[in-house]
PDB file of N, CA and C in Angstrom:
ATOM      1  N   MET A   1       0.846  -1.165   0.000  1.00  0.00           N
ATOM      2  CA  MET A   1       0.000   0.000   0.000  1.00  0.00           C
ATOM      3  C   MET A   1       0.896   1.234   0.000  1.00  0.00           C
ATOM      4  N   LYS A   2       0.699   2.104  -1.003  1.00  0.00           N
ATOM      5  CA  LYS A   2       1.471   3.332  -1.076  1.00  0.00           C
ATOM      6  C   LYS A   2       0.765   4.415  -0.277  1.00  0.00           C
ATOM      7  N   LEU A   3       1.542   5.203   0.427  1.00  0.00           N
ATOM      8  CA  LEU A   3       0.983   6.303   1.207  1.00  0.00           C
ATOM      9  C   LEU A   3       1.407   7.620   0.595  1.00  0.00           C
ATOM     10  N   GLY A   4       0.499   8.578   0.565  1.00  0.00           N
ATOM     11  CA  GLY A   4       0.843   9.928   0.150  1.00  0.00           C
ATOM     12  C   GLY A   4       1.649  10.594   1.241  1.00  0.00           C
ATOM     13  N   LEU A   5       2.318  11.674   0.892  1.00  0.00           N
ATOM     14  CA  LEU A   5       3.173  12.348   1.857  1.00  0.00           C
ATOM     15  C   LEU A   5       2.379  12.860   3.051  1.00  0.00           C
ATOM     16  N   SER A   6       1.220  13.453   2.788  1.00  0.00           N
ATOM     17  CA  SER A   6       0.422  13.963   3.904  1.00  0.00           C
ATOM     18  C   SER A   6      -0.077  12.818   4.781  1.00  0.00           C
ATOM     19  N   GLN A   7      -0.358  11.690   4.163  1.00  0.00           N
ATOM     20  CA  GLN A   7      -0.820  10.534   4.928  1.00  0.00           C
ATOM     21  C   GLN A   7       0.313   9.952   5.767  1.00  0.00           C
ATOM     22  N   MET A   8       1.537   9.964   5.222  1.00  0.00           N
ATOM     23  CA  MET A   8       2.674   9.468   5.998  1.00  0.00           C
ATOM     24  C   MET A   8       2.941  10.372   7.193  1.00  0.00           C
ATOM     25  N   LYS A   9       2.850  11.691   6.967  1.00  0.00           N
ATOM     26  CA  LYS A   9       3.054  12.619   8.069  1.00  0.00           C
ATOM     27  C   LYS A   9       2.019  12.378   9.156  1.00  0.00           C
ATOM     28  N   PHE A  10       0.772  12.170   8.761  1.00  0.00           N
ATOM     29  CA  PHE A  10      -0.285  11.901   9.729  1.00  0.00           C
ATOM     30  C   PHE A  10       0.015  10.617  10.482  1.00  0.00           C
ATOM     31  N   SER A  11       0.410   9.594   9.733  1.00  0.00           N
ATOM     32  CA  SER A  11       0.664   8.294  10.338  1.00  0.00           C
ATOM     33  C   SER A  11       1.797   8.365  11.357  1.00  0.00           C
ATOM     34  N   VAL A  12       2.876   9.052  11.007  1.00  0.00           N
ATOM     35  CA  VAL A  12       4.032   9.144  11.895  1.00  0.00           C
ATOM     36  C   VAL A  12       3.703   9.979  13.122  1.00  0.00           C
ATOM     37  N   LYS A  13       2.936  11.047  12.932  1.00  0.00           N
ATOM     38  CA  LYS A  13       2.647  11.955  14.033  1.00  0.00           C
ATOM     39  C   LYS A  13       1.572  11.427  14.984  1.00  0.00           C
ATOM     40  N   TYR A  14       0.473  10.957  14.437  1.00  0.00           N
ATOM     41  CA  TYR A  14      -0.709  10.718  15.257  1.00  0.00           C
ATOM     42  C   TYR A  14      -1.016   9.254  15.551  1.00  0.00           C
ATOM     43  N   LYS A  15      -0.420   8.339  14.816  1.00  0.00           N
ATOM     44  CA  LYS A  15      -0.703   6.935  15.093  1.00  0.00           C
ATOM     45  C   LYS A  15      -0.232   6.516  16.489  1.00  0.00           C
ATOM     46  N   PRO A  16       0.976   6.929  16.927  1.00  0.00           N
ATOM     47  CA  PRO A  16       1.370   6.584  18.303  1.00  0.00           C
ATOM     48  C   PRO A  16       0.424   7.178  19.349  1.00  0.00           C
ATOM     49  N   LEU A  17      -0.026   8.403  19.121  1.00  0.00           N
ATOM     50  CA  LEU A  17      -0.975   9.022  20.036  1.00  0.00           C
ATOM     51  C   LEU A  17      -2.281   8.234  20.073  1.00  0.00           C
ATOM     52  N   LEU A  18      -2.748   7.854  18.897  1.00  0.00           N
ATOM     53  CA  LEU A  18      -3.987   7.078  18.811  1.00  0.00           C
ATOM     54  C   LEU A  18      -3.842   5.734  19.523  1.00  0.00           C
ATOM     55  N   ASN A  19      -2.703   5.068  19.328  1.00  0.00           N
ATOM     56  CA  ASN A  19      -2.453   3.791  20.008  1.00  0.00           C
ATOM     57  C   ASN A  19      -2.442   3.969  21.521  1.00  0.00           C
ATOM     58  N   ARG A  20      -1.799   5.042  21.981  1.00  0.00           N
ATOM     59  CA  ARG A  20      -1.727   5.295  23.415  1.00  0.00           C
ATOM     60  C   ARG A  20      -3.115   5.555  24.001  1.00  0.00           C
ATOM     61  N   CYS A  21      -3.919   6.329  23.270  1.00  0.00           N
ATOM     62  CA  CYS A  21      -5.278   6.620  23.748  1.00  0.00           C
ATOM     63  C   CYS A  21      -6.130   5.353  23.815  1.00  0.00           C
ATOM     64  N   VAL A  22      -5.989   4.492  22.816  1.00  0.00           N
ATOM     65  CA  VAL A  22      -6.746   3.232  22.819  1.00  0.00           C
ATOM     66  C   VAL A  22      -6.289   2.349  23.972  1.00  0.00           C
ATOM     67  N   ARG A  23      -4.984   2.306  24.228  1.00  0.00           N
ATOM     68  CA  ARG A  23      -4.471   1.520  25.351  1.00  0.00           C
ATOM     69  C   ARG A  23      -5.014   2.037  26.685  1.00  0.00           C
ATOM     70  N   CYS A  24      -5.076   3.359  26.832  1.00  0.00           N
ATOM     71  CA  CYS A  24      -5.611   3.933  28.072  1.00  0.00           C
ATOM     72  C   CYS A  24      -7.090   3.618  28.221  1.00  0.00           C
ATOM     73  N   THR A  25      -7.816   3.686  27.125  1.00  0.00           N
ATOM     74  CA  THR A  25      -9.246   3.395  27.157  1.00  0.00           C
ATOM     75  C   THR A  25      -9.502   1.951  27.559  1.00  0.00           C
ATOM     76  N   LEU A  26      -8.681   1.041  27.037  1.00  0.00           N
ATOM     77  CA  LEU A  26      -8.832  -0.384  27.355  1.00  0.00           C
ATOM     78  C   LEU A  26      -8.122  -0.772  28.645  1.00  0.00           C
ATOM     79  N   ARG A  27      -7.469   0.193  29.289  1.00  0.00           N
ATOM     80  CA  ARG A  27      -6.716  -0.026  30.531  1.00  0.00           C
ATOM     81  C   ARG A  27      -5.623  -1.087  30.368  1.00  0.00           C
ATOM     82  N   ILE A  28      -4.856  -0.924  29.314  1.00  0.00           N
ATOM     83  CA  ILE A  28      -3.701  -1.797  29.080  1.00  0.00           C
ATOM     84  C   ILE A  28      -2.469  -0.995  29.490  1.00  0.00           C
ATOM     85  N   TRP A  29      -1.849  -1.372  30.616  1.00  0.00           N
ATOM     86  CA  TRP A  29      -0.704  -0.653  31.132  1.00  0.00           C
ATOM     87  C   TRP A  29       0.578  -1.392  30.803  1.00  0.00           C
ATOM     88  N   TRP A  30       1.694  -0.866  31.240  1.00  0.00           N
ATOM     89  CA  TRP A  30       2.990  -1.376  30.824  1.00  0.00           C
ATOM     90  C   TRP A  30       3.285  -2.828  31.166  1.00  0.00           C
ATOM     91  N   PRO A  31       2.795  -3.427  32.270  1.00  0.00           N
ATOM     92  CA  PRO A  31       3.131  -4.848  32.460  1.00  0.00           C
ATOM     93  C   PRO A  31       2.433  -5.767  31.448  1.00  0.00           C
ATOM     94  N   ASN A  32       1.298  -5.331  30.936  1.00  0.00           N
ATOM     95  CA  ASN A  32       0.578  -6.128  29.942  1.00  0.00           C
ATOM     96  C   ASN A  32       1.059  -5.719  28.554  1.00  0.00           C
ATOM     97  N   ILE A  33       1.939  -6.500  27.987  1.00  0.00           N
ATOM     98  CA  ILE A  33       2.506  -6.157  26.687  1.00  0.00           C
ATOM     99  C   ILE A  33       1.594  -6.723  25.607  1.00  0.00           C
ATOM    100  N   ILE A  34       1.188  -5.856  24.685  1.00  0.00           N
ATOM    101  CA  ILE A  34       0.341  -6.256  23.572  1.00  0.00           C
ATOM    102  C   ILE A  34       0.801  -5.466  22.345  1.00  0.00           C
ATOM    103  N   SER A  35       0.897  -6.145  21.206  1.00  0.00           N
ATOM    104  CA  SER A  35       1.365  -5.458  19.999  1.00  0.00           C
ATOM    105  C   SER A  35       0.261  -4.541  19.463  1.00  0.00           C
ATOM    106  N   ASN A  36       0.665  -3.608  18.625  1.00  0.00           N
ATOM    107  CA  ASN A  36      -0.309  -2.677  18.053  1.00  0.00           C
ATOM    108  C   ASN A  36      -1.318  -3.398  17.158  1.00  0.00           C
ATOM    109  N   LYS A  37      -0.850  -4.416  16.428  1.00  0.00           N
ATOM    110  CA  LYS A  37      -1.768  -5.178  15.565  1.00  0.00           C
ATOM    111  C   LYS A  37      -2.825  -5.883  16.411  1.00  0.00           C
ATOM    112  N   ASP A  38      -2.391  -6.487  17.509  1.00  0.00           N
ATOM    113  CA  ASP A  38      -3.349  -7.153  18.397  1.00  0.00           C
ATOM    114  C   ASP A  38      -4.298  -6.144  19.036  1.00  0.00           C
ATOM    115  N   LEU A  39      -3.771  -4.973  19.332  1.00  0.00           N
ATOM    116  CA  LEU A  39      -4.595  -3.909  19.903  1.00  0.00           C
ATOM    117  C   LEU A  39      -5.729  -3.533  18.953  1.00  0.00           C
ATOM    118  N   TRP A  40      -5.409  -3.412  17.661  1.00  0.00           N
ATOM    119  CA  TRP A  40      -6.440  -3.037  16.683  1.00  0.00           C
ATOM    120  C   TRP A  40      -7.413  -4.182  16.430  1.00  0.00           C
ATOM    121  N   LYS A  41      -6.941  -5.437  16.571  1.00  0.00           N
ATOM    122  CA  LYS A  41      -7.859  -6.575  16.428  1.00  0.00           C
ATOM    123  C   LYS A  41      -8.850  -6.611  17.586  1.00  0.00           C
ATOM    124  N   VAL A  42      -8.371  -6.300  18.782  1.00  0.00           N
ATOM    125  CA  VAL A  42      -9.234  -6.301  19.958  1.00  0.00           C
ATOM    126  C   VAL A  42     -10.328  -5.253  19.829  1.00  0.00           C
ATOM    127  N   THR A  43      -9.964  -4.083  19.317  1.00  0.00           N
ATOM    128  CA  THR A  43     -10.941  -3.002  19.190  1.00  0.00           C
ATOM    129  C   THR A  43     -11.854  -3.179  17.986  1.00  0.00           C
ATOM    130  N   GLY A  44     -11.447  -4.024  17.038  1.00  0.00           N
ATOM    131  CA  GLY A  44     -12.259  -4.220  15.836  1.00  0.00           C
ATOM    132  C   GLY A  44     -12.144  -3.073  14.847  1.00  0.00           C
ATOM    133  N   GLN A  45     -11.112  -2.251  15.006  1.00  0.00           N
ATOM    134  CA  GLN A  45     -10.907  -1.106  14.123  1.00  0.00           C
ATOM    135  C   GLN A  45      -9.935  -1.477  13.014  1.00  0.00           C
ATOM    136  N   GLU A  46     -10.057  -0.754  11.887  1.00  0.00           N
ATOM    137  CA  GLU A  46      -9.109  -0.938  10.797  1.00  0.00           C
ATOM    138  C   GLU A  46      -7.939   0.005  10.992  1.00  0.00           C
ATOM    139  N   ASP A  47      -6.888  -0.226  10.227  1.00  0.00           N
ATOM    140  CA  ASP A  47      -5.728   0.648  10.269  1.00  0.00           C
ATOM    141  C   ASP A  47      -6.146   2.054   9.863  1.00  0.00           C
ATOM    142  N   ILE A  48      -5.590   3.056  10.507  1.00  0.00           N
ATOM    143  CA  ILE A  48      -5.987   4.446  10.267  1.00  0.00           C
ATOM    144  C   ILE A  48      -5.675   4.868   8.834  1.00  0.00           C
ATOM    145  N   ASN A  49      -4.576   4.353   8.269  1.00  0.00           N
ATOM    146  CA  ASN A  49      -4.224   4.702   6.893  1.00  0.00           C
ATOM    147  C   ASN A  49      -5.264   4.171   5.914  1.00  0.00           C
ATOM    148  N   LEU A  50      -5.742   2.961   6.159  1.00  0.00           N
ATOM    149  CA  LEU A  50      -6.771   2.391   5.300  1.00  0.00           C
ATOM    150  C   LEU A  50      -8.077   3.169   5.412  1.00  0.00           C
ATOM    151  N   GLU A  51      -8.395   3.589   6.612  1.00  0.00           N
ATOM    152  CA  GLU A  51      -9.617   4.372   6.824  1.00  0.00           C
ATOM    153  C   GLU A  51      -9.535   5.719   6.097  1.00  0.00           C
ATOM    154  N   ILE A  52      -8.369   6.344   6.120  1.00  0.00           N
ATOM    155  CA  ILE A  52      -8.187   7.623   5.421  1.00  0.00           C
ATOM    156  C   ILE A  52      -8.358   7.430   3.922  1.00  0.00           C
ATOM    157  N   ARG A  53      -7.771   6.382   3.376  1.00  0.00           N
ATOM    158  CA  ARG A  53      -7.898   6.119   1.935  1.00  0.00           C
ATOM    159  C   ARG A  53      -9.341   5.869   1.539  1.00  0.00           C
ATOM    160  N   LYS A  54     -10.067   5.117   2.361  1.00  0.00           N
ATOM    161  CA  LYS A  54     -11.476   4.848   2.070  1.00  0.00           C
ATOM    162  C   LYS A  54     -12.295   6.135   2.039  1.00  0.00           C
ATOM    163  N   ARG A  55     -12.072   6.992   3.038  1.00  0.00           N
ATOM    164  CA  ARG A  55     -12.840   8.232   3.114  1.00  0.00           C
ATOM    165  C   ARG A  55     -12.503   9.184   1.975  1.00  0.00           C
ATOM    166  N   LYS A  56     -11.224   9.220   1.586  1.00  0.00           N
ATOM    167  CA  LYS A  56     -10.840  10.060   0.447  1.00  0.00           C
ATOM    168  C   LYS A  56     -11.548   9.594  -0.819  1.00  0.00           C
ATOM    169  N   SER A  57     -11.514   8.284  -1.075  1.00  0.00           N
ATOM    170  CA  SER A  57     -12.135   7.778  -2.304  1.00  0.00           C
ATOM    171  C   SER A  57     -13.645   7.969  -2.268  1.00  0.00           C
ATOM    172  N   ARG A  58     -14.257   7.820  -1.098  1.00  0.00           N
ATOM    173  CA  ARG A  58     -15.698   8.058  -0.976  1.00  0.00           C
ATOM    174  C   ARG A  58     -16.044   9.515  -1.274  1.00  0.00           C
ATOM    175  N   TRP A  59     -15.217  10.426  -0.751  1.00  0.00           N
ATOM    176  CA  TRP A  59     -15.479  11.843  -0.961  1.00  0.00           C
ATOM    177  C   TRP A  59     -15.309  12.224  -2.431  1.00  0.00           C
ATOM    178  N   ILE A  60     -14.279  11.663  -3.085  1.00  0.00           N
ATOM    179  CA  ILE A  60     -14.075  11.965  -4.502  1.00  0.00           C
ATOM    180  C   ILE A  60     -15.253  11.473  -5.321  1.00  0.00           C
ATOM    181  N   GLY A  61     -15.712  10.255  -5.072  1.00  0.00           N
ATOM    182  CA  GLY A  61     -16.863   9.729  -5.800  1.00  0.00           C
ATOM    183  C   GLY A  61     -18.093  10.585  -5.579  1.00  0.00           C
ATOM    184  N   HIS A  62     -18.303  10.993  -4.350  1.00  0.00           N
ATOM    185  CA  HIS A  62     -19.457  11.829  -4.007  1.00  0.00           C
ATOM    186  C   HIS A  62     -19.369  13.176  -4.727  1.00  0.00           C
ATOM    187  N   THR A  63     -18.197  13.773  -4.728  1.00  0.00           N
ATOM    188  CA  THR A  63     -18.018  15.090  -5.336  1.00  0.00           C
ATOM    189  C   THR A  63     -18.135  15.023  -6.852  1.00  0.00           C
ATOM    190  N   LEU A  64     -17.573  13.994  -7.465  1.00  0.00           N
ATOM    191  CA  LEU A  64     -17.625  13.899  -8.925  1.00  0.00           C
ATOM    192  C   LEU A  64     -19.019  13.566  -9.443  1.00  0.00           C
ATOM    193  N   ARG A  65     -19.884  13.050  -8.592  1.00  0.00           N
ATOM    194  CA  ARG A  65     -21.262  12.763  -9.024  1.00  0.00           C
ATOM    195  C   ARG A  65     -22.192  13.963  -8.833  1.00  0.00           C
ATOM    196  N   LYS A  66     -21.677  15.057  -8.279  1.00  0.00           N
ATOM    197  CA  LYS A  66     -22.501  16.253  -8.075  1.00  0.00           C
ATOM    198  C   LYS A  66     -22.811  16.925  -9.404  1.00  0.00           C
ATOM    199  N   GLU A  67     -23.714  17.904  -9.355  1.00  0.00           N
ATOM    200  CA  GLU A  67     -24.054  18.697 -10.544  1.00  0.00           C
ATOM    201  C   GLU A  67     -22.826  19.487 -10.996  1.00  0.00           C
ATOM    202  N   ASP A  68     -22.814  19.886 -12.261  1.00  0.00           N
ATOM    203  CA  ASP A  68     -21.649  20.571 -12.814  1.00  0.00           C
ATOM    204  C   ASP A  68     -21.403  21.944 -12.193  1.00  0.00           C
ATOM    205  N   GLY A  69     -22.408  22.659 -11.771  1.00  0.00           N
ATOM    206  CA  GLY A  69     -22.211  24.003 -11.258  1.00  0.00           C
ATOM    207  C   GLY A  69     -21.816  24.082  -9.795  1.00  0.00           C
ATOM    208  N   GLU A  70     -21.765  22.975  -9.094  1.00  0.00           N
ATOM    209  CA  GLU A  70     -21.501  22.999  -7.655  1.00  0.00           C
ATOM    210  C   GLU A  70     -20.032  23.334  -7.367  1.00  0.00           C
ATOM    211  N   ILE A  71     -19.810  24.081  -6.290  1.00  0.00           N
ATOM    212  CA  ILE A  71     -18.483  24.594  -5.972  1.00  0.00           C
ATOM    213  C   ILE A  71     -17.462  23.485  -5.674  1.00  0.00           C
ATOM    214  N   PRO A  72     -17.779  22.447  -4.878  1.00  0.00           N
ATOM    215  CA  PRO A  72     -16.759  21.418  -4.619  1.00  0.00           C
ATOM    216  C   PRO A  72     -16.294  20.705  -5.887  1.00  0.00           C
ATOM    217  N   LYS A  73     -17.216  20.445  -6.794  1.00  0.00           N
ATOM    218  CA  LYS A  73     -16.835  19.778  -8.036  1.00  0.00           C
ATOM    219  C   LYS A  73     -15.975  20.698  -8.894  1.00  0.00           C
ATOM    220  N   ALA A  74     -16.356  21.976  -8.955  1.00  0.00           N
ATOM    221  CA  ALA A  74     -15.566  22.927  -9.739  1.00  0.00           C
ATOM    222  C   ALA A  74     -14.159  23.071  -9.154  1.00  0.00           C
ATOM    223  N   ALA A  75     -14.042  23.077  -7.832  1.00  0.00           N
ATOM    224  CA  ALA A  75     -12.730  23.197  -7.195  1.00  0.00           C
ATOM    225  C   ALA A  75     -11.876  21.966  -7.452  1.00  0.00           C
ATOM    226  N   LEU A  76     -12.494  20.798  -7.448  1.00  0.00           N
ATOM    227  CA  LEU A  76     -11.758  19.555  -7.682  1.00  0.00           C
ATOM    228  C   LEU A  76     -11.283  19.459  -9.125  1.00  0.00           C
ATOM    229  N   LEU A  77     -12.087  19.936 -10.054  1.00  0.00           N
ATOM    230  CA  LEU A  77     -11.746  19.839 -11.474  1.00  0.00           C
ATOM    231  C   LEU A  77     -10.959  21.045 -11.986  1.00  0.00           C
ATOM    232  N   TRP A  78     -10.752  22.044 -11.140  1.00  0.00           N
ATOM    233  CA  TRP A  78     -10.088  23.274 -11.562  1.00  0.00           C
ATOM    234  C   TRP A  78      -8.656  23.005 -11.971  1.00  0.00           C
ATOM    235  N   ASN A  79      -8.261  23.573 -13.100  1.00  0.00           N
ATOM    236  CA  ASN A  79      -6.894  23.427 -13.598  1.00  0.00           C
ATOM    237  C   ASN A  79      -6.289  24.823 -13.731  1.00  0.00           C
ATOM    238  N   PRO A  80      -5.409  25.227 -12.800  1.00  0.00           N
ATOM    239  CA  PRO A  80      -4.872  26.584 -12.849  1.00  0.00           C
ATOM    240  C   PRO A  80      -4.009  26.800 -14.087  1.00  0.00           C
ATOM    241  N   GLN A  81      -4.143  27.959 -14.684  1.00  0.00           N
ATOM    242  CA  GLN A  81      -3.385  28.298 -15.885  1.00  0.00           C
ATOM    243  C   GLN A  81      -2.318  29.322 -15.528  1.00  0.00           C
ATOM    244  N   GLY A  82      -1.338  29.456 -16.399  1.00  0.00           N
ATOM    245  CA  GLY A  82      -0.295  30.456 -16.199  1.00  0.00           C
ATOM    246  C   GLY A  82       0.998  29.830 -15.727  1.00  0.00           C
ATOM    247  N   ASN A  83       1.940  30.694 -15.417  1.00  0.00           N
ATOM    248  CA  ASN A  83       3.268  30.242 -14.983  1.00  0.00           C
ATOM    249  C   ASN A  83       3.274  29.983 -13.489  1.00  0.00           C
ATOM    250  N   ARG A  84       4.056  29.014 -13.105  1.00  0.00           N
ATOM    251  CA  ARG A  84       4.193  28.715 -11.688  1.00  0.00           C
ATOM    252  C   ARG A  84       5.521  29.256 -11.201  1.00  0.00           C
ATOM    253  N   LYS A  85       5.696  29.239  -9.892  1.00  0.00           N
ATOM    254  CA  LYS A  85       6.937  29.721  -9.307  1.00  0.00           C
ATOM    255  C   LYS A  85       8.066  28.729  -9.579  1.00  0.00           C
ATOM    256  N   ARG A  86       9.281  29.179  -9.347  1.00  0.00           N
ATOM    257  CA  ARG A  86      10.439  28.315  -9.524  1.00  0.00           C
ATOM    258  C   ARG A  86      10.418  27.172  -8.519  1.00  0.00           C
ATOM    259  N   GLY A  87      11.117  26.107  -8.881  1.00  0.00           N
ATOM    260  CA  GLY A  87      11.277  24.999  -7.947  1.00  0.00           C
ATOM    261  C   GLY A  87      10.319  23.859  -8.231  1.00  0.00           C
ATOM    262  N   ARG A  88      10.291  22.941  -7.305  1.00  0.00           N
ATOM    263  CA  ARG A  88       9.449  21.755  -7.447  1.00  0.00           C
ATOM    264  C   ARG A  88       7.990  22.156  -7.324  1.00  0.00           C
ATOM    265  N   PRO A  89       7.129  21.629  -8.202  1.00  0.00           N
ATOM    266  CA  PRO A  89       5.709  21.968  -8.082  1.00  0.00           C
ATOM    267  C   PRO A  89       5.116  21.406  -6.798  1.00  0.00           C
ATOM    268  N   ARG A  90       4.206  22.158  -6.226  1.00  0.00           N
ATOM    269  CA  ARG A  90       3.541  21.680  -5.019  1.00  0.00           C
ATOM    270  C   ARG A  90       2.657  20.497  -5.373  1.00  0.00           C
ATOM    271  N   ASN A  91       2.569  19.573  -4.443  1.00  0.00           N
ATOM    272  CA  ASN A  91       1.738  18.401  -4.661  1.00  0.00           C
ATOM    273  C   ASN A  91       0.306  18.733  -4.272  1.00  0.00           C
ATOM    274  N   SER A  92      -0.580  18.722  -5.234  1.00  0.00           N
ATOM    275  CA  SER A  92      -1.976  19.037  -4.954  1.00  0.00           C
ATOM    276  C   SER A  92      -2.676  17.798  -4.400  1.00  0.00           C
ATOM    277  N   TRP A  93      -3.849  18.003  -3.839  1.00  0.00           N
ATOM    278  CA  TRP A  93      -4.616  16.893  -3.287  1.00  0.00           C
ATOM    279  C   TRP A  93      -4.998  15.930  -4.398  1.00  0.00           C
ATOM    280  N   ARG A  94      -5.347  16.501  -5.562  1.00  0.00           N
ATOM    281  CA  ARG A  94      -5.730  15.685  -6.709  1.00  0.00           C
ATOM    282  C   ARG A  94      -4.568  14.806  -7.172  1.00  0.00           C
ATOM    283  N   ARG A  95      -3.361  15.387  -7.234  1.00  0.00           N
ATOM    284  CA  ARG A  95      -2.189  14.603  -7.639  1.00  0.00           C
ATOM    285  C   ARG A  95      -1.885  13.488  -6.643  1.00  0.00           C
ATOM    286  N   SER A  96      -2.074  13.770  -5.355  1.00  0.00           N
ATOM    287  CA  SER A  96      -1.811  12.740  -4.348  1.00  0.00           C
ATOM    288  C   SER A  96      -2.801  11.585  -4.490  1.00  0.00           C
ATOM    289  N   ILE A  97      -4.058  11.905  -4.825  1.00  0.00           N
ATOM    290  CA  ILE A  97      -5.064  10.859  -5.030  1.00  0.00           C
ATOM    291  C   ILE A  97      -4.710   9.999  -6.237  1.00  0.00           C
ATOM    292  N   ILE A  98      -4.284  10.641  -7.316  1.00  0.00           N
ATOM    293  CA  ILE A  98      -3.905   9.904  -8.525  1.00  0.00           C
ATOM    294  C   ILE A  98      -2.746   8.965  -8.223  1.00  0.00           C
ATOM    295  N   LYS A  99      -1.771   9.458  -7.453  1.00  0.00           N
ATOM    296  CA  LYS A  99      -0.613   8.640  -7.114  1.00  0.00           C
ATOM    297  C   LYS A  99      -1.001   7.456  -6.225  1.00  0.00           C
ATOM    298  N   GLU A 100      -1.864   7.692  -5.236  1.00  0.00           N
ATOM    299  CA  GLU A 100      -2.282   6.617  -4.329  1.00  0.00           C
ATOM    300  C   GLU A 100      -3.111   5.565  -5.056  1.00  0.00           C
ATOM    301  N   ALA A 101      -3.993   6.005  -5.959  1.00  0.00           N
ATOM    302  CA  ALA A 101      -4.869   5.072  -6.653  1.00  0.00           C
ATOM    303  C   ALA A 101      -4.132   4.312  -7.745  1.00  0.00           C
ATOM    304  N   GLY A 102      -3.084   4.919  -8.300  1.00  0.00           N
ATOM    305  CA  GLY A 102      -2.340   4.264  -9.373  1.00  0.00           C
ATOM    306  C   GLY A 102      -3.108   4.255 -10.675  1.00  0.00           C
ATOM    307  N   ARG A 103      -4.032   5.188 -10.825  1.00  0.00           N
ATOM    308  CA  ARG A 103      -4.841   5.289 -12.049  1.00  0.00           C
ATOM    309  C   ARG A 103      -4.833   6.725 -12.525  1.00  0.00           C
ATOM    310  N   SER A 104      -5.242   6.910 -13.771  1.00  0.00           N
ATOM    311  CA  SER A 104      -5.296   8.274 -14.298  1.00  0.00           C
ATOM    312  C   SER A 104      -6.547   8.974 -13.774  1.00  0.00           C
ATOM    313  N   TRP A 105      -6.567  10.296 -13.923  1.00  0.00           N
ATOM    314  CA  TRP A 105      -7.698  11.079 -13.441  1.00  0.00           C
ATOM    315  C   TRP A 105      -8.967  10.731 -14.203  1.00  0.00           C
ATOM    316  N   ASN A 106      -8.839  10.494 -15.518  1.00  0.00           N
ATOM    317  CA  ASN A 106     -10.016  10.138 -16.320  1.00  0.00           C
ATOM    318  C   ASN A 106     -10.595   8.790 -15.889  1.00  0.00           C
ATOM    319  N   GLU A 107      -9.726   7.849 -15.547  1.00  0.00           N
ATOM    320  CA  GLU A 107     -10.212   6.558 -15.051  1.00  0.00           C
ATOM    321  C   GLU A 107     -10.967   6.737 -13.733  1.00  0.00           C
ATOM    322  N   LEU A 108     -10.425   7.553 -12.845  1.00  0.00           N
ATOM    323  CA  LEU A 108     -11.091   7.791 -11.556  1.00  0.00           C
ATOM    324  C   LEU A 108     -12.446   8.463 -11.760  1.00  0.00           C
ATOM    325  N   ARG A 109     -12.521   9.408 -12.685  1.00  0.00           N
ATOM    326  CA  ARG A 109     -13.798  10.078 -12.972  1.00  0.00           C
ATOM    327  C   ARG A 109     -14.813   9.085 -13.526  1.00  0.00           C
ATOM    328  N   PHE A 110     -14.357   8.185 -14.407  1.00  0.00           N
ATOM    329  CA  PHE A 110     -15.251   7.182 -14.982  1.00  0.00           C
ATOM    330  C   PHE A 110     -15.765   6.235 -13.902  1.00  0.00           C
ATOM    331  N   LEU A 111     -14.878   5.778 -13.016  1.00  0.00           N
ATOM    332  CA  LEU A 111     -15.276   4.875 -11.943  1.00  0.00           C
ATOM    333  C   LEU A 111     -16.246   5.559 -10.975  1.00  0.00           C
ATOM    334  N   ALA A 112     -16.017   6.838 -10.698  1.00  0.00           N
ATOM    335  CA  ALA A 112     -16.895   7.579  -9.803  1.00  0.00           C
ATOM    336  C   ALA A 112     -18.277   7.764 -10.416  1.00  0.00           C
ATOM    337  N   ALA A 113     -18.311   7.992 -11.722  1.00  0.00           N
ATOM    338  CA  ALA A 113     -19.602   8.185 -12.397  1.00  0.00           C
ATOM    339  C   ALA A 113     -20.419   6.904 -12.368  1.00  0.00           C
ATOM    340  N   ASN A 114     -19.735   5.759 -12.406  1.00  0.00           N
ATOM    341  CA  ASN A 114     -20.442   4.480 -12.372  1.00  0.00           C
ATOM    342  C   ASN A 114     -20.663   3.964 -10.958  1.00  0.00           C
ATOM    343  N   GLY A 115     -20.117   4.648  -9.960  1.00  0.00           N
ATOM    344  CA  GLY A 115     -20.281   4.235  -8.575  1.00  0.00           C
ATOM    345  C   GLY A 115     -19.430   3.044  -8.198  1.00  0.00           C
ATOM    346  N   GLN A 116     -18.318   2.835  -8.889  1.00  0.00           N
ATOM    347  CA  GLN A 116     -17.430   1.708  -8.598  1.00  0.00           C
ATOM    348  C   GLN A 116     -16.298   2.171  -7.708  1.00  0.00           C
ATOM    349  N   LYS A 117     -15.594   1.201  -7.106  1.00  0.00           N
ATOM    350  CA  LYS A 117     -14.448   1.512  -6.238  1.00  0.00           C
ATOM    351  C   LYS A 117     -13.167   1.453  -7.032  1.00  0.00           C
TER     352      LYS A 117
END
């Protein structure tokens, strides 16, 4: 599973915090050693990275099925024109989705229009 840069930053920063909070909620203290995978099996939760990917793809499908004049769809499909600043181009949210999905933007639009994953 490939992670986008923003997703990796989230995972590195907040996953330990999330694990610690779940351990406190379940009252698992230091003498009781349990791996993080076992911790997530006990809670019945999925990995946070997988949950983020699911929600992103759901939101894209929802937005691409909206009417043409709606602001979220226009913002998602917007293609800025003109010259950019020097240096490496900034990674847009749309580009990160394309990279994570491993498909072209037109393929993603087609799948969203048909309601497929």
